[in-house]
PDB file of all heavy atoms in Angstrom:
ATOM      1  N   VAL A   1     106.476 104.799 117.770  1.00  0.00           N
ATOM      2  CA  VAL A   1     107.668 104.172 117.209  1.00  0.00           C
ATOM      3  C   VAL A   1     108.265 103.249 118.260  1.00  0.00           C
ATOM      4  O   VAL A   1     108.534 103.648 119.371  1.00  0.00           O
ATOM      5  CB  VAL A   1     108.708 105.233 116.777  1.00  0.00           C
ATOM      6  CG1 VAL A   1     109.949 104.566 116.229  1.00  0.00           C
ATOM      7  CG2 VAL A   1     108.109 106.186 115.777  1.00  0.00           C
ATOM      8  N   SER A   2     108.438 102.001 117.865  1.00  0.00           N
ATOM      9  CA  SER A   2     109.064 101.064 118.804  1.00  0.00           C
ATOM     10  C   SER A   2     110.537 100.910 118.434  1.00  0.00           C
ATOM     11  O   SER A   2     110.981 101.375 117.398  1.00  0.00           O
ATOM     12  CB  SER A   2     108.367  99.706 118.749  1.00  0.00           C
ATOM     13  OG  SER A   2     108.619  99.081 117.510  1.00  0.00           O
ATOM     14  N   GLY A   3     111.270 100.196 119.253  1.00  0.00           N
ATOM     15  CA  GLY A   3     112.689 100.005 118.998  1.00  0.00           C
ATOM     16  C   GLY A   3     112.970  99.131 117.802  1.00  0.00           C
ATOM     17  O   GLY A   3     114.023  99.220 117.186  1.00  0.00           O
ATOM     18  N   SER A   4     112.003  98.277 117.381  1.00  0.00           N
ATOM     19  CA  SER A   4     112.248  97.366 116.269  1.00  0.00           C
ATOM     20  C   SER A   4     111.961  98.002 114.910  1.00  0.00           C
ATOM     21  O   SER A   4     112.407  97.512 113.896  1.00  0.00           O
ATOM     22  CB  SER A   4     111.416  96.094 116.440  1.00  0.00           C
ATOM     23  OG  SER A   4     110.041  96.413 116.398  1.00  0.00           O
ATOM     24  N   ILE A   5     111.220  99.071 114.889  1.00  0.00           N
ATOM     25  CA  ILE A   5     110.904  99.748 113.619  1.00  0.00           C
ATOM     26  C   ILE A   5     111.519 101.137 113.666  1.00  0.00           C
ATOM     27  O   ILE A   5     111.330 101.892 114.611  1.00  0.00           O
ATOM     28  CB  ILE A   5     109.383  99.867 113.422  1.00  0.00           C
ATOM     29  CG1 ILE A   5     108.731  98.495 113.370  1.00  0.00           C
ATOM     30  CG2 ILE A   5     109.083 100.628 112.155  1.00  0.00           C
ATOM     31  CD1 ILE A   5     107.220  98.540 113.249  1.00  0.00           C
ATOM     32  N   SER A   6     112.228 101.452 112.627  1.00  0.00           N
ATOM     33  CA  SER A   6     112.851 102.776 112.587  1.00  0.00           C
ATOM     34  C   SER A   6     111.791 103.850 112.348  1.00  0.00           C
ATOM     35  O   SER A   6     110.688 103.573 111.885  1.00  0.00           O
ATOM     36  CB  SER A   6     113.905 102.830 111.483  1.00  0.00           C
ATOM     37  OG  SER A   6     113.276 102.869 110.213  1.00  0.00           O
ATOM     38  N   PHE A   7     112.126 105.070 112.658  1.00  0.00           N
ATOM     39  CA  PHE A   7     111.215 106.190 112.461  1.00  0.00           C
ATOM     40  C   PHE A   7     110.812 106.288 110.986  1.00  0.00           C
ATOM     41  O   PHE A   7     109.647 106.507 110.670  1.00  0.00           O
ATOM     42  CB  PHE A   7     111.875 107.491 112.930  1.00  0.00           C
ATOM     43  CG  PHE A   7     111.023 108.701 112.684  1.00  0.00           C
ATOM     44  CD1 PHE A   7     109.931 108.951 113.503  1.00  0.00           C
ATOM     45  CD2 PHE A   7     111.277 109.553 111.629  1.00  0.00           C
ATOM     46  CE1 PHE A   7     109.122 110.049 113.282  1.00  0.00           C
ATOM     47  CE2 PHE A   7     110.472 110.653 111.407  1.00  0.00           C
ATOM     48  CZ  PHE A   7     109.394 110.908 112.230  1.00  0.00           C
ATOM     49  N   GLY A   8     111.754 106.097 110.092  1.00  0.00           N
ATOM     50  CA  GLY A   8     111.477 106.195 108.651  1.00  0.00           C
ATOM     51  C   GLY A   8     110.466 105.158 108.197  1.00  0.00           C
ATOM     52  O   GLY A   8     109.559 105.456 107.415  1.00  0.00           O
ATOM     53  N   GLU A   9     110.608 103.933 108.673  1.00  0.00           N
ATOM     54  CA  GLU A   9     109.674 102.876 108.299  1.00  0.00           C
ATOM     55  C   GLU A   9     108.278 103.185 108.829  1.00  0.00           C
ATOM     56  O   GLU A   9     107.276 102.986 108.137  1.00  0.00           O
ATOM     57  CB  GLU A   9     110.141 101.529 108.850  1.00  0.00           C
ATOM     58  CG  GLU A   9     111.372 100.967 108.157  1.00  0.00           C
ATOM     59  CD  GLU A   9     111.828  99.675 108.831  1.00  0.00           C
ATOM     60  OE1 GLU A   9     111.039  98.711 108.850  1.00  0.00           O
ATOM     61  OE2 GLU A   9     112.958  99.672 109.345  1.00  0.00           O
ATOM     62  N   SER A  10     108.212 103.652 110.058  1.00  0.00           N
ATOM     63  CA  SER A  10     106.936 103.999 110.663  1.00  0.00           C
ATOM     64  C   SER A  10     106.266 105.129 109.878  1.00  0.00           C
ATOM     65  O   SER A  10     105.064 105.083 109.604  1.00  0.00           O
ATOM     66  CB  SER A  10     107.148 104.421 112.109  1.00  0.00           C
ATOM     67  OG  SER A  10     105.929 104.777 112.710  1.00  0.00           O
ATOM     68  N   TYR A  11     107.040 106.114 109.492  1.00  0.00           N
ATOM     69  CA  TYR A  11     106.526 107.248 108.717  1.00  0.00           C
ATOM     70  C   TYR A  11     106.005 106.762 107.363  1.00  0.00           C
ATOM     71  O   TYR A  11     104.919 107.139 106.929  1.00  0.00           O
ATOM     72  CB  TYR A  11     107.633 108.292 108.537  1.00  0.00           C
ATOM     73  CG  TYR A  11     107.225 109.481 107.713  1.00  0.00           C
ATOM     74  CD1 TYR A  11     106.474 110.512 108.273  1.00  0.00           C
ATOM     75  CD2 TYR A  11     107.580 109.576 106.367  1.00  0.00           C
ATOM     76  CE1 TYR A  11     106.091 111.605 107.527  1.00  0.00           C
ATOM     77  CE2 TYR A  11     107.200 110.662 105.604  1.00  0.00           C
ATOM     78  CZ  TYR A  11     106.449 111.678 106.185  1.00  0.00           C
ATOM     79  OH  TYR A  11     106.081 112.751 105.439  1.00  0.00           O
ATOM     80  N   ASP A  12     106.790 105.908 106.704  1.00  0.00           N
ATOM     81  CA  ASP A  12     106.389 105.385 105.406  1.00  0.00           C
ATOM     82  C   ASP A  12     105.082 104.610 105.499  1.00  0.00           C
ATOM     83  O   ASP A  12     104.213 104.722 104.625  1.00  0.00           O
ATOM     84  CB  ASP A  12     107.482 104.485 104.817  1.00  0.00           C
ATOM     85  CG  ASP A  12     108.719 105.262 104.390  1.00  0.00           C
ATOM     86  OD1 ASP A  12     108.630 106.503 104.266  1.00  0.00           O
ATOM     87  OD2 ASP A  12     109.766 104.618 104.178  1.00  0.00           O
ATOM     88  N   LYS A  13     104.920 103.820 106.550  1.00  0.00           N
ATOM     89  CA  LYS A  13     103.684 103.060 106.737  1.00  0.00           C
ATOM     90  C   LYS A  13     102.500 103.990 106.950  1.00  0.00           C
ATOM     91  O   LYS A  13     101.410 103.764 106.422  1.00  0.00           O
ATOM     92  CB  LYS A  13     103.819 102.096 107.909  1.00  0.00           C
ATOM     93  CG  LYS A  13     104.684 100.897 107.593  1.00  0.00           C
ATOM     94  CD  LYS A  13     104.757  99.947 108.773  1.00  0.00           C
ATOM     95  CE  LYS A  13     105.682  98.771 108.428  1.00  0.00           C
ATOM     96  NZ  LYS A  13     105.750  97.807 109.527  1.00  0.00           N
ATOM     97  N   GLU A  14     102.706 105.049 107.734  1.00  0.00           N
ATOM     98  CA  GLU A  14     101.629 106.014 107.992  1.00  0.00           C
ATOM     99  C   GLU A  14     101.221 106.716 106.701  1.00  0.00           C
ATOM    100  O   GLU A  14     100.022 106.877 106.416  1.00  0.00           O
ATOM    101  CB  GLU A  14     102.058 107.036 109.039  1.00  0.00           C
ATOM    102  CG  GLU A  14     101.010 108.095 109.351  1.00  0.00           C
ATOM    103  CD  GLU A  14      99.729 107.514 109.924  1.00  0.00           C
ATOM    104  OE1 GLU A  14      99.766 106.443 110.540  1.00  0.00           O
ATOM    105  OE2 GLU A  14      98.672 108.151 109.731  1.00  0.00           O
ATOM    106  N   ILE A  15     102.195 107.114 105.904  1.00  0.00           N
ATOM    107  CA  ILE A  15     101.895 107.767 104.617  1.00  0.00           C
ATOM    108  C   ILE A  15     101.144 106.800 103.710  1.00  0.00           C
ATOM    109  O   ILE A  15     100.169 107.172 103.052  1.00  0.00           O
ATOM    110  CB  ILE A  15     103.201 108.261 103.934  1.00  0.00           C
ATOM    111  CG1 ILE A  15     103.851 109.366 104.768  1.00  0.00           C
ATOM    112  CG2 ILE A  15     102.942 108.733 102.509  1.00  0.00           C
ATOM    113  CD1 ILE A  15     103.006 110.612 104.938  1.00  0.00           C
ATOM    114  N   ALA A  16     101.568 105.538 103.669  1.00  0.00           N
ATOM    115  CA  ALA A  16     100.889 104.535 102.845  1.00  0.00           C
ATOM    116  C   ALA A  16      99.448 104.340 103.311  1.00  0.00           C
ATOM    117  O   ALA A  16      98.527 104.230 102.488  1.00  0.00           O
ATOM    118  CB  ALA A  16     101.646 103.217 102.885  1.00  0.00           C
ATOM    119  N   ASN A  17      99.224 104.323 104.619  1.00  0.00           N
ATOM    120  CA  ASN A  17      97.868 104.186 105.162  1.00  0.00           C
ATOM    121  C   ASN A  17      96.994 105.373 104.781  1.00  0.00           C
ATOM    122  O   ASN A  17      95.818 105.216 104.435  1.00  0.00           O
ATOM    123  CB  ASN A  17      97.907 104.022 106.682  1.00  0.00           C
ATOM    124  CG  ASN A  17      98.419 102.672 107.119  1.00  0.00           C
ATOM    125  OD1 ASN A  17      98.386 101.709 106.358  1.00  0.00           O
ATOM    126  ND2 ASN A  17      98.892 102.592 108.357  1.00  0.00           N
ATOM    127  N   GLN A  18      97.557 106.567 104.838  1.00  0.00           N
ATOM    128  CA  GLN A  18      96.805 107.767 104.470  1.00  0.00           C
ATOM    129  C   GLN A  18      96.441 107.743 102.982  1.00  0.00           C
ATOM    130  O   GLN A  18      95.327 108.088 102.609  1.00  0.00           O
ATOM    131  CB  GLN A  18      97.610 109.020 104.804  1.00  0.00           C
ATOM    132  CG  GLN A  18      97.722 109.289 106.286  1.00  0.00           C
ATOM    133  CD  GLN A  18      98.606 110.488 106.592  1.00  0.00           C
ATOM    134  OE1 GLN A  18      99.120 111.162 105.702  1.00  0.00           O
ATOM    135  NE2 GLN A  18      98.800 110.753 107.885  1.00  0.00           N
ATOM    136  N   ARG A  19      97.392 107.344 102.161  1.00  0.00           N
ATOM    137  CA  ARG A  19      97.108 107.262 100.716  1.00  0.00           C
ATOM    138  C   ARG A  19      96.013 106.247 100.435  1.00  0.00           C
ATOM    139  O   ARG A  19      95.122 106.481  99.619  1.00  0.00           O
ATOM    140  CB  ARG A  19      98.380 106.889  99.955  1.00  0.00           C
ATOM    141  CG  ARG A  19      99.357 108.017  99.836  1.00  0.00           C
ATOM    142  CD  ARG A  19     100.562 107.632  99.011  1.00  0.00           C
ATOM    143  NE  ARG A  19     101.501 108.743  98.961  1.00  0.00           N
ATOM    144  CZ  ARG A  19     102.800 108.599  98.878  1.00  0.00           C
ATOM    145  NH1 ARG A  19     103.348 107.404  98.818  1.00  0.00           N
ATOM    146  NH2 ARG A  19     103.579 109.663  98.840  1.00  0.00           N
ATOM    147  N   GLN A  20      96.085 105.102 101.098  1.00  0.00           N
ATOM    148  CA  GLN A  20      95.064 104.071 100.905  1.00  0.00           C
ATOM    149  C   GLN A  20      93.692 104.569 101.342  1.00  0.00           C
ATOM    150  O   GLN A  20      92.692 104.324 100.678  1.00  0.00           O
ATOM    151  CB  GLN A  20      95.433 102.788 101.659  1.00  0.00           C
ATOM    152  CG  GLN A  20      94.491 101.627 101.378  1.00  0.00           C
ATOM    153  CD  GLN A  20      94.468 101.234  99.922  1.00  0.00           C
ATOM    154  OE1 GLN A  20      95.517 101.059  99.305  1.00  0.00           O
ATOM    155  NE2 GLN A  20      93.284 101.107  99.360  1.00  0.00           N
ATOM    156  N   ALA A  21      93.651 105.281 102.447  1.00  0.00           N
ATOM    157  CA  ALA A  21      92.382 105.826 102.936  1.00  0.00           C
ATOM    158  C   ALA A  21      91.799 106.809 101.918  1.00  0.00           C
ATOM    159  O   ALA A  21      90.593 106.807 101.660  1.00  0.00           O
ATOM    160  CB  ALA A  21      92.577 106.501 104.286  1.00  0.00           C
ATOM    161  N   ARG A  22      92.656 107.657 101.334  1.00  0.00           N
ATOM    162  CA  ARG A  22      92.179 108.594 100.309  1.00  0.00           C
ATOM    163  C   ARG A  22      91.653 107.856  99.092  1.00  0.00           C
ATOM    164  O   ARG A  22      90.611 108.212  98.533  1.00  0.00           O
ATOM    165  CB  ARG A  22      93.295 109.550  99.900  1.00  0.00           C
ATOM    166  CG  ARG A  22      93.478 110.720 100.848  1.00  0.00           C
ATOM    167  CD  ARG A  22      94.329 111.817 100.235  1.00  0.00           C
ATOM    168  NE  ARG A  22      95.688 111.403  99.963  1.00  0.00           N
ATOM    169  CZ  ARG A  22      96.707 111.492 100.803  1.00  0.00           C
ATOM    170  NH1 ARG A  22      96.499 111.996 102.003  1.00  0.00           N
ATOM    171  NH2 ARG A  22      97.907 111.094 100.477  1.00  0.00           N
ATOM    172  N   MET A  23      92.361 106.816  98.661  1.00  0.00           N
ATOM    173  CA  MET A  23      91.917 106.043  97.494  1.00  0.00           C
ATOM    174  C   MET A  23      90.590 105.344  97.789  1.00  0.00           C
ATOM    175  O   MET A  23      89.705 105.312  96.937  1.00  0.00           O
ATOM    176  CB  MET A  23      92.980 105.014  97.094  1.00  0.00           C
ATOM    177  CG  MET A  23      94.200 105.622  96.436  1.00  0.00           C
ATOM    178  SD  MET A  23      93.818 106.605  94.960  1.00  0.00           S
ATOM    179  CE  MET A  23      93.132 105.365  93.886  1.00  0.00           C
ATOM    180  N   ASP A  24      90.450 104.789  98.992  1.00  0.00           N
ATOM    181  CA  ASP A  24      89.192 104.144  99.370  1.00  0.00           C
ATOM    182  C   ASP A  24      88.049 105.152  99.332  1.00  0.00           C
ATOM    183  O   ASP A  24      86.963 104.861  98.823  1.00  0.00           O
ATOM    184  CB  ASP A  24      89.298 103.517 100.762  1.00  0.00           C
ATOM    185  CG  ASP A  24      90.223 102.307 100.804  1.00  0.00           C
ATOM    186  OD1 ASP A  24      90.597 101.787  99.728  1.00  0.00           O
ATOM    187  OD2 ASP A  24      90.589 101.891 101.922  1.00  0.00           O
ATOM    188  N   GLY A  25      88.288 106.346  99.866  1.00  0.00           N
ATOM    189  CA  GLY A  25      87.271 107.392  99.853  1.00  0.00           C
ATOM    190  C   GLY A  25      86.939 107.845  98.444  1.00  0.00           C
ATOM    191  O   GLY A  25      85.775 108.065  98.106  1.00  0.00           O
TER     192      GLY A  25
END
């Protein structure tokens, strides 16, 4: 987490990446 992105935004992006990976699989 950097100072320009809030923890919530970072978490949301990680969850979105995980969902996309599952859909790709």
